[in-house]
């Protein structure tokens, strides 16, 4: 089985995910399956990041 097919099957195994989502993630984030979940979340831009600048806290 090819590496791409294995990744697709992994993404399809998640509840609520379908073919379109799997193919979008594979094309936009080819690192899926190679990095840990924290690194993938940061790369995908879904990790909360503190934006403290000077005296601003928020």
Protein backbone atom coordinates (compact mmCIF):
# COMPACT_ATOMS: atom_id res chain seq x y z
CA UNK A 1 0.00 0.00 0.00
CA UNK A 2 1.39 3.38 -0.91
CA UNK A 3 2.26 6.03 1.65
CA UNK A 4 -0.47 8.37 0.33
CA UNK A 5 -3.11 5.68 0.58
CA UNK A 6 -2.12 4.99 4.18
CA UNK A 7 -2.39 8.68 5.05
CA UNK A 8 -5.79 8.91 3.35
CA UNK A 9 -7.05 5.90 5.28
CA UNK A 10 -5.78 7.41 8.54
CA UNK A 11 -7.58 10.69 7.86
CA UNK A 12 -10.77 8.88 6.83
CA UNK A 13 -10.75 6.92 10.08
CA UNK A 14 -11.46 10.12 12.04
CA UNK A 15 -15.14 10.54 12.85
CA UNK A 16 -16.78 13.23 10.73
CA UNK A 17 -14.04 13.32 8.11
CA UNK A 18 -14.72 12.52 4.48
CA UNK A 19 -12.88 12.29 1.19
CA UNK A 20 -12.83 16.04 0.55
CA UNK A 21 -11.36 16.83 3.97
CA UNK A 22 -8.79 14.04 3.66
CA UNK A 23 -7.59 15.23 0.25
CA UNK A 24 -7.47 18.89 1.33
CA UNK A 25 -5.40 18.04 4.39
CA UNK A 26 -3.08 15.83 2.35
CA UNK A 27 -2.49 18.59 -0.18
CA UNK A 28 -2.19 21.50 2.26
CA UNK A 29 -0.37 19.67 5.09
CA UNK A 30 1.73 16.86 3.60
CA UNK A 31 3.50 16.58 6.96
CA UNK A 32 0.44 14.84 8.48
CA UNK A 33 1.61 11.51 9.83
CA UNK A 34 5.24 12.63 10.08
CA UNK A 35 5.00 15.26 12.84
CA UNK A 36 3.42 15.06 16.26
CA UNK A 37 0.01 16.57 16.94
CA UNK A 38 1.34 19.78 18.53
CA UNK A 39 3.60 20.57 15.58
CA UNK A 40 0.84 19.84 13.04
CA UNK A 41 -1.60 22.06 14.97
CA UNK A 42 0.92 24.91 15.02
CA UNK A 43 1.69 24.44 11.33
CA UNK A 44 -2.01 24.43 10.50
CA UNK A 45 -2.57 27.62 12.49
CA UNK A 46 -5.07 26.22 14.97
CA UNK A 47 -2.90 26.47 18.08
CA UNK A 48 -3.66 29.34 20.48
CA UNK A 49 -0.68 31.67 20.62
CA UNK A 50 -0.10 34.39 23.21
CA UNK A 51 0.11 37.84 21.66
CA UNK A 52 1.49 39.90 24.50
CA UNK A 53 3.16 43.09 23.39
CA UNK A 54 4.48 45.66 25.84
CA UNK A 55 1.96 46.32 28.56
CA UNK A 56 -0.91 44.75 26.59
CA UNK A 57 -2.11 41.47 28.06
CA UNK A 58 -4.70 39.61 26.05
